[in-house]
Amino acid sequence: MGERKILEVMQGKTVNPPPIWIMRQAGRYLPEYRATRANAKNFLDFCYTPELAVEATLQPIRRYGFDAAILFSDILVIPDALDRDVEFVQGEGPRMRPLAGDEIEKLDPSGVLDHLAPVFETVRRLRGELPEETTLLGFCGAPWTVATYMIAGHGTPDQAPSRLMIYREPERLDRLVDVLAEASAQYLIAQIDAGADAVKIFDSWSGVLDEAAFERYAVTPVRKMIATIKRERPGTPVIAFPKGAGYQYRGYREKTGADMIALDWTVPLDVAVQMQKEGPVQGNLDPLRVVAGREAIREGVDRILDALSGGPFVFNLGHGITPQADPDDMAFLVDHVRGKA
C-alpha cells in the first residue's frame, strides 16, 4: 500500500512538505462538478446516487492530486434519515419543517443506517477507485450544528432559535443532541466499515455558544461520539472542527479525545503552534485568499508553513473553498504548499 501521508500525520509524525486537502474541494468552483450536478434531479438525489457522488469526490483528486478525498455528501443527511423532510432550495440553502420541542421524543433513529445505505455504497466504491496513497475521509455534522438546522428549519445568522432552546427547554435539547450523537456515531462507524480511513466531525456553529453551552453542546456530544467510535473501531483517527470556537479551542482536544483538530482562519498562528505541541492540527488559510489571487495565497501559505511545518500538520483552508475561487489559483496553492510554485 502506498503511504497515506495524512494518516502518518494523524499518528503524530511530521511530514514535509505537509499533506494537503481542502474542505469543500468537490464543489461548485469546478466546472466538472457543475456538469455532474446537472445530472441529479436535486441535491439529495446527488448525495444518494453512488455513481454521481463517487464522480464528484474523485474530481478534485484527478485535478490536483490532493492527499485526501472526502466523501461527497452533506451534514443534513442525518435529519433526512430521521424523516425531517429535508430539501435544498436553489439560492436559499437547506429547508425542513422546524422541529418543535414536543416532537423530539418522537424521533426514531432505528432506520437511519438503512436510509443511508447509498452513502456507504459510495464509500465502498471510492476505496476501490482511489489511488492507494490517498486517504479516504468520511464525515458528519456535529450534533449541535445539525440540531440548529432541525430546530430553525433552515440556516440562520446566529442560530437564535436553538440558543433560545438552550435556556427555555434544555432537557429537550439534551434529548435531541443525544439522539443525534448516537445516530451520527453509528453513521461514522458504518463509513469506516465501508472503507473510510478516518472521519471528521464538523461543528460549523460551535462559535455561537457561550462557555457553559459550549461545554454542554459542543464538547460533551462530540466526546460521546468519539468514545463510541474508539470503542467500536479502535485505531480509526477522528478529526474535529469546532469552527469559531475561539479561546475554547484550548483544551478541546483533551476534552473530546479527537486525534486532530481543524483550525478556522481566525485562530492565531501562535495559538496554533501551542495546540500543535499537543497533537496534529489542520488548517487554516482564509478561503477568501484563494478568491483574492496568487499574491494573497502566497503570503498566507508562507505564514502558515513557517509556523506549522515543523510539527504534525495537514494543510487546509480554515473553512470550505468558495464557489468564486479560480481552479487555476487553487492549482497554484497546491503547488506552492508542495514547493513547486
Protein backbone atom coordinates (compact mmCIF):
# COMPACT_ATOMS: atom_id res chain seq x y z
CA MET A 1 0.00 0.00 0.00
CA GLY A 2 1.25 3.48 -0.84
CA GLU A 3 1.93 5.85 2.02
CA ARG A 4 -1.17 7.67 3.22
CA LYS A 5 0.55 10.78 4.47
CA ILE A 6 -2.42 12.20 6.33
CA LEU A 7 -2.68 9.05 8.41
CA GLU A 8 1.01 9.40 9.24
CA VAL A 9 0.40 12.97 10.44
CA MET A 10 -2.57 11.84 12.50
CA GLN A 11 -0.25 9.39 14.21
CA GLY A 12 1.89 12.35 15.27
CA LYS A 13 4.54 12.33 12.53
CA THR A 14 5.93 15.43 10.83
CA VAL A 15 5.76 15.19 7.04
CA ASN A 16 7.36 17.73 4.70
CA PRO A 17 6.01 19.16 2.56
CA PRO A 18 2.81 18.75 4.56
CA PRO A 19 -0.04 16.77 3.03
CA ILE A 20 -2.93 18.84 1.72
CA TRP A 21 -6.65 18.55 1.15
CA ILE A 22 -9.26 21.29 1.05
CA MET A 23 -12.67 21.49 2.68
CA ARG A 24 -15.42 21.51 0.01
CA GLN A 25 -12.77 20.55 -2.56
CA ALA A 26 -15.53 18.79 -4.53
CA GLY A 27 -17.73 21.79 -5.20
CA ARG A 28 -19.16 24.50 -7.37
CA TYR A 29 -15.84 26.17 -8.18
CA LEU A 30 -15.06 23.24 -10.51
CA PRO A 31 -16.73 23.16 -13.94
CA GLU A 32 -16.71 19.37 -13.94
CA TYR A 33 -18.63 19.40 -10.65
CA ARG A 34 -21.29 21.68 -12.10
CA ALA A 35 -21.65 19.36 -15.09
CA THR A 36 -22.08 16.34 -12.81
CA ARG A 37 -24.53 18.18 -10.56
CA ALA A 38 -26.73 18.82 -13.59
CA ASN A 39 -27.36 15.07 -13.85
CA ALA A 40 -29.15 14.90 -10.49
CA LYS A 41 -32.78 15.92 -10.03
CA ASN A 42 -31.95 17.60 -6.71
CA PHE A 43 -29.11 17.88 -4.22
CA LEU A 44 -30.15 14.96 -2.02
CA ASP A 45 -30.51 12.80 -5.12
CA PHE A 46 -26.93 13.82 -5.93
CA CYS A 47 -25.77 12.71 -2.47
CA TYR A 48 -27.69 9.42 -2.62
CA THR A 49 -26.65 8.36 -6.13
CA PRO A 50 -23.34 6.50 -5.74
CA GLU A 51 -22.27 6.97 -9.37
CA LEU A 52 -22.63 10.76 -9.08
CA ALA A 53 -21.22 11.05 -5.54
CA VAL A 54 -18.18 8.95 -6.46
CA GLU A 55 -17.54 11.09 -9.53
CA ALA A 56 -17.81 14.34 -7.54
CA THR A 57 -15.45 13.00 -4.86
CA LEU A 58 -12.84 11.93 -7.42
CA GLN A 59 -12.83 15.13 -9.50
CA PRO A 60 -10.50 17.21 -7.25
CA ILE A 61 -8.23 14.18 -6.77
CA ARG A 62 -7.79 13.85 -10.52
CA ARG A 63 -7.25 17.59 -10.96
CA TYR A 64 -4.97 18.36 -8.01
CA GLY A 65 -3.77 15.08 -6.54
CA PHE A 66 -4.88 16.00 -3.03
CA ASP A 67 -3.62 13.71 -0.30
CA ALA A 68 -7.17 13.00 0.89
CA ALA A 69 -10.56 12.55 -0.69
CA ILE A 70 -13.56 13.38 1.46
CA LEU A 71 -16.84 11.66 0.82
CA PHE A 72 -19.22 13.82 -1.19
CA SER A 73 -22.36 14.16 0.92
CA ASP A 74 -23.95 16.67 3.30
CA ILE A 75 -24.31 17.02 7.07
CA LEU A 76 -28.12 17.11 6.74
CA VAL A 77 -28.48 13.54 5.53
CA ILE A 78 -28.92 12.62 9.21
CA PRO A 79 -32.11 14.70 9.72
CA ASP A 80 -33.26 13.49 6.32
CA ALA A 81 -32.82 9.92 7.59
CA LEU A 82 -34.85 10.94 10.67
CA ASP A 83 -37.74 11.83 8.32
CA ARG A 84 -37.45 15.61 8.65
CA ASP A 85 -38.42 16.36 5.01
CA VAL A 86 -35.09 17.97 4.10
CA GLU A 87 -34.82 19.80 0.79
CA PHE A 88 -32.26 22.15 -0.71
CA VAL A 89 -33.70 25.27 -2.35
CA GLN A 90 -31.63 26.81 -5.13
CA GLY A 91 -30.11 30.06 -3.93
CA GLU A 92 -31.50 29.68 -0.41
CA GLY A 93 -29.93 26.53 1.04
CA PRO A 94 -31.47 23.77 3.16
CA ARG A 95 -35.07 23.83 4.29
CA MET A 96 -37.08 21.49 6.51
CA ARG A 97 -40.10 21.72 8.79
CA PRO A 98 -38.89 23.27 12.07
CA LEU A 99 -38.68 20.70 14.86
CA ALA A 100 -40.94 21.56 17.79
CA GLY A 101 -39.84 20.63 21.29
CA ASP A 102 -42.64 18.10 21.76
CA GLU A 103 -41.59 16.30 18.55
CA ILE A 104 -38.13 15.45 19.83
CA GLU A 105 -39.34 12.45 21.87
CA LYS A 106 -40.91 11.00 18.72
CA LEU A 107 -37.68 10.93 16.69
CA ASP A 108 -36.91 7.35 15.66
CA PRO A 109 -33.24 6.70 14.78
CA SER A 110 -33.77 2.99 14.12
CA GLY A 111 -33.92 3.37 10.34
CA VAL A 112 -31.06 5.83 9.88
CA LEU A 113 -28.43 3.39 8.62
CA ASP A 114 -30.83 1.70 6.20
CA HIS A 115 -31.81 5.08 4.79
CA LEU A 116 -28.16 6.00 4.31
CA ALA A 117 -27.13 2.74 2.63
CA PRO A 118 -26.35 4.57 -0.67
CA VAL A 119 -23.74 6.65 1.18
CA PHE A 120 -21.95 3.52 2.36
CA GLU A 121 -22.02 2.14 -1.18
CA THR A 122 -20.34 5.37 -2.32
CA VAL A 123 -17.60 4.89 0.29
CA ARG A 124 -17.03 1.29 -0.80
CA ARG A 125 -16.69 2.30 -4.43
CA LEU A 126 -14.37 5.17 -3.58
CA ARG A 127 -11.96 2.98 -1.67
CA GLY A 128 -11.77 0.75 -4.71
CA GLU A 129 -11.16 3.62 -7.15
CA LEU A 130 -8.88 5.97 -5.24
CA PRO A 131 -5.09 5.77 -5.55
CA GLU A 132 -3.61 3.65 -2.78
CA GLU A 133 -1.78 6.63 -1.31
CA THR A 134 -4.93 8.76 -0.99
CA THR A 135 -6.57 8.89 2.43
CA LEU A 136 -10.36 8.49 2.32
CA LEU A 137 -12.20 10.65 4.84
CA GLY A 138 -15.76 10.09 6.00
CA PHE A 139 -17.64 12.80 7.85
CA CYS A 140 -20.77 14.02 9.56
CA GLY A 141 -22.06 17.16 11.20
CA ALA A 142 -21.67 17.54 14.95
CA PRO A 143 -24.89 17.11 16.94
CA TRP A 144 -25.16 20.78 17.93
CA THR A 145 -24.73 22.03 14.37
CA VAL A 146 -27.22 19.53 12.93
CA ALA A 147 -29.67 20.38 15.72
CA THR A 148 -29.57 24.08 14.82
CA TYR A 149 -30.88 23.36 11.34
CA MET A 150 -33.55 20.98 12.64
CA ILE A 151 -34.85 23.46 15.20
CA ALA A 152 -34.91 26.51 12.92
CA GLY A 153 -35.76 24.62 9.74
CA HIS A 154 -33.00 26.48 7.90
CA GLY A 155 -29.72 28.24 8.47
CA THR A 156 -29.78 31.47 10.48
CA PRO A 157 -27.12 34.15 11.09
CA ASP A 158 -26.74 33.44 14.82
CA GLN A 159 -28.78 30.27 15.47
CA ALA A 160 -31.08 32.17 17.85
CA PRO A 161 -33.89 29.55 17.78
CA SER A 162 -31.53 26.83 19.03
CA ARG A 163 -29.85 29.11 21.54
CA LEU A 164 -33.25 30.02 22.98
CA MET A 165 -33.96 26.31 23.41
CA ILE A 166 -30.78 26.06 25.50
CA TYR A 167 -32.35 28.41 28.03
CA ARG A 168 -36.05 27.53 27.69
CA GLU A 169 -36.07 23.76 27.07
CA PRO A 170 -32.60 22.42 27.87
CA GLU A 171 -33.81 18.91 28.70
CA ARG A 172 -35.45 18.61 25.28
CA LEU A 173 -32.35 19.92 23.57
CA ASP A 174 -30.28 17.42 25.56
CA ARG A 175 -32.50 14.65 24.22
CA LEU A 176 -32.17 15.86 20.61
CA VAL A 177 -28.41 16.14 20.86
CA ASP A 178 -28.18 12.67 22.43
CA VAL A 179 -30.22 11.14 19.59
CA LEU A 180 -28.03 12.89 17.02
CA ALA A 181 -24.80 11.89 18.78
CA GLU A 182 -25.69 8.19 18.81
CA ALA A 183 -27.04 8.16 15.25
CA SER A 184 -24.04 10.11 13.96
CA ALA A 185 -21.52 7.89 15.71
CA GLN A 186 -23.10 4.80 14.15
CA TYR A 187 -23.16 6.59 10.79
CA LEU A 188 -19.42 7.24 11.02
CA ILE A 189 -18.72 3.66 12.12
CA ALA A 190 -20.62 2.42 9.06
CA GLN A 191 -18.49 4.69 6.87
CA ILE A 192 -15.36 3.23 8.48
CA ASP A 193 -16.65 -0.28 7.81
CA ALA A 194 -17.23 0.67 4.17
CA GLY A 195 -13.63 1.81 3.75
CA ALA A 196 -13.07 5.27 5.28
CA ASP A 197 -9.56 5.59 6.75
CA ALA A 198 -10.50 8.40 9.13
CA VAL A 199 -13.57 10.51 9.88
CA LYS A 200 -14.26 14.17 10.55
CA ILE A 201 -16.89 15.84 12.72
CA PHE A 202 -17.90 19.32 11.53
CA ASP A 203 -19.26 21.62 14.25
CA SER A 204 -19.81 24.60 12.00
CA TRP A 205 -21.88 26.55 14.56
CA SER A 206 -19.98 25.91 17.79
CA GLY A 207 -18.81 29.53 17.73
CA VAL A 208 -22.25 30.90 18.74
CA LEU A 209 -22.20 29.15 22.13
CA ASP A 210 -21.26 30.72 25.44
CA GLU A 211 -18.85 28.94 27.77
CA ALA A 212 -21.38 26.76 29.59
CA ALA A 213 -23.32 25.89 26.43
CA PHE A 214 -20.11 25.09 24.56
CA GLU A 215 -19.21 22.52 27.21
CA ARG A 216 -22.70 21.02 27.21
CA TYR A 217 -23.47 21.01 23.48
CA ALA A 218 -20.16 21.24 21.59
CA VAL A 219 -17.85 19.23 23.85
CA THR A 220 -19.99 16.58 25.57
CA PRO A 221 -21.76 15.10 22.50
CA VAL A 222 -18.58 15.04 20.44
CA ARG A 223 -16.75 13.33 23.31
CA LYS A 224 -19.53 10.70 23.42
CA MET A 225 -19.29 10.15 19.68
CA ILE A 226 -15.52 9.78 19.68
CA ALA A 227 -15.63 7.43 22.68
CA THR A 228 -18.13 5.23 20.81
CA ILE A 229 -16.00 5.22 17.66
CA LYS A 230 -12.82 4.44 19.59
CA ARG A 231 -14.53 1.66 21.49
CA GLU A 232 -16.13 0.02 18.45
CA ARG A 233 -13.43 0.75 15.83
CA PRO A 234 -10.20 1.28 17.78
CA GLY A 235 -7.36 2.78 15.81
CA THR A 236 -9.52 4.89 13.48
CA PRO A 237 -8.43 8.54 13.68
CA VAL A 238 -11.01 11.28 14.22
CA ILE A 239 -10.69 14.92 13.15
CA ALA A 240 -12.85 17.50 14.93
CA PHE A 241 -13.62 21.02 13.69
CA PRO A 242 -15.24 23.36 16.23
CA LYS A 243 -15.44 26.33 13.87
CA GLY A 244 -15.44 29.71 15.56
CA ALA A 245 -14.60 28.28 18.98
CA GLY A 246 -12.03 30.99 19.65
CA TYR A 247 -10.47 30.67 23.08
CA GLN A 248 -12.44 27.47 23.62
CA TYR A 249 -10.21 25.71 21.09
CA ARG A 250 -7.81 25.42 24.03
CA GLY A 251 -8.43 22.11 25.78
CA TYR A 252 -10.91 20.91 23.15
CA ARG A 253 -8.67 18.04 22.01
CA GLU A 254 -8.18 16.74 25.55
CA LYS A 255 -11.87 17.07 26.41
CA THR A 256 -13.19 15.35 23.27
CA GLY A 257 -10.47 12.79 22.50
CA ALA A 258 -10.05 13.98 18.90
CA ASP A 259 -6.84 12.91 17.17
CA MET A 260 -6.51 16.02 15.02
CA ILE A 261 -8.03 19.47 15.41
CA ALA A 262 -9.05 21.53 12.39
CA LEU A 263 -8.49 25.26 12.89
CA ASP A 264 -10.57 28.03 11.37
CA TRP A 265 -8.78 31.02 9.84
CA THR A 266 -9.31 33.26 12.88
CA VAL A 267 -7.06 31.11 15.10
CA PRO A 268 -3.76 33.00 15.57
CA LEU A 269 -0.74 31.05 14.41
CA ASP A 270 0.99 31.33 17.77
CA VAL A 271 -2.04 29.64 19.32
CA ALA A 272 -1.95 27.02 16.57
CA VAL A 273 1.70 26.33 17.39
CA GLN A 274 0.82 25.76 21.05
CA MET A 275 -2.03 23.42 20.07
CA GLN A 276 0.31 21.54 17.75
CA LYS A 277 2.50 20.66 20.72
CA GLU A 278 -0.42 18.57 21.99
CA GLY A 279 -1.05 16.82 18.69
CA PRO A 280 -1.73 17.21 14.96
CA VAL A 281 -3.50 20.29 13.62
CA GLN A 282 -5.11 21.10 10.27
CA GLY A 283 -5.73 24.43 8.58
CA ASN A 284 -6.10 27.31 8.36
CA LEU A 285 -5.89 29.63 5.32
CA ASP A 286 -8.71 32.15 4.94
CA PRO A 287 -10.79 30.85 1.98
CA LEU A 288 -11.07 34.37 0.59
CA ARG A 289 -7.32 34.43 -0.05
CA VAL A 290 -7.99 31.89 -2.79
CA VAL A 291 -10.53 34.29 -4.30
CA ALA A 292 -8.18 37.27 -3.89
CA GLY A 293 -5.46 35.77 -6.08
CA ARG A 294 -1.93 34.44 -6.04
CA GLU A 295 -0.13 37.06 -4.00
CA ALA A 296 -2.68 36.70 -1.23
CA ILE A 297 -2.37 32.92 -1.48
CA ARG A 298 1.44 33.00 -1.40
CA GLU A 299 1.62 35.32 1.59
CA GLY A 300 -0.93 33.34 3.60
CA VAL A 301 0.54 29.95 2.76
CA ASP A 302 4.06 31.07 3.63
CA ARG A 303 2.99 32.35 7.05
CA ILE A 304 1.23 29.09 7.86
CA LEU A 305 4.07 26.89 6.64
CA ASP A 306 6.64 28.94 8.55
CA ALA A 307 4.65 28.47 11.74
CA LEU A 308 3.42 24.88 11.50
CA SER A 309 5.54 22.77 9.15
CA GLY A 310 7.87 21.79 11.99
CA GLY A 311 5.28 19.52 13.58
CA PRO A 312 2.39 17.21 12.68
CA PHE A 313 0.33 19.31 10.26
CA VAL A 314 -2.11 18.96 7.38
CA PHE A 315 -2.56 22.00 5.16
CA ASN A 316 -6.15 23.07 4.57
CA LEU A 317 -8.32 26.13 4.47
CA GLY A 318 -9.92 27.49 7.62
CA HIS A 319 -13.33 26.66 6.15
CA GLY A 320 -14.65 25.48 2.80
CA ILE A 321 -13.48 26.75 -0.56
CA THR A 322 -16.00 29.21 -2.03
CA PRO A 323 -17.67 28.93 -5.45
CA GLN A 324 -15.90 32.13 -6.54
CA ALA A 325 -12.44 30.54 -6.34
CA ASP A 326 -10.50 30.15 -9.59
CA PRO A 327 -9.49 26.50 -10.17
CA ASP A 328 -6.16 27.64 -11.60
CA ASP A 329 -5.42 29.62 -8.45
CA MET A 330 -6.21 26.52 -6.41
CA ALA A 331 -3.64 24.65 -8.52
CA PHE A 332 -1.14 27.40 -7.64
CA LEU A 333 -1.95 26.98 -3.95
CA VAL A 334 -1.37 23.23 -4.11
CA ASP A 335 1.92 23.68 -5.97
CA HIS A 336 3.08 26.37 -3.54
CA VAL A 337 2.37 24.20 -0.50
CA ARG A 338 4.36 21.42 -2.18
CA GLY A 339 7.25 23.74 -3.03
CA LYS A 340 6.64 23.69 -6.77
CA ALA A 341 5.49 27.28 -7.28
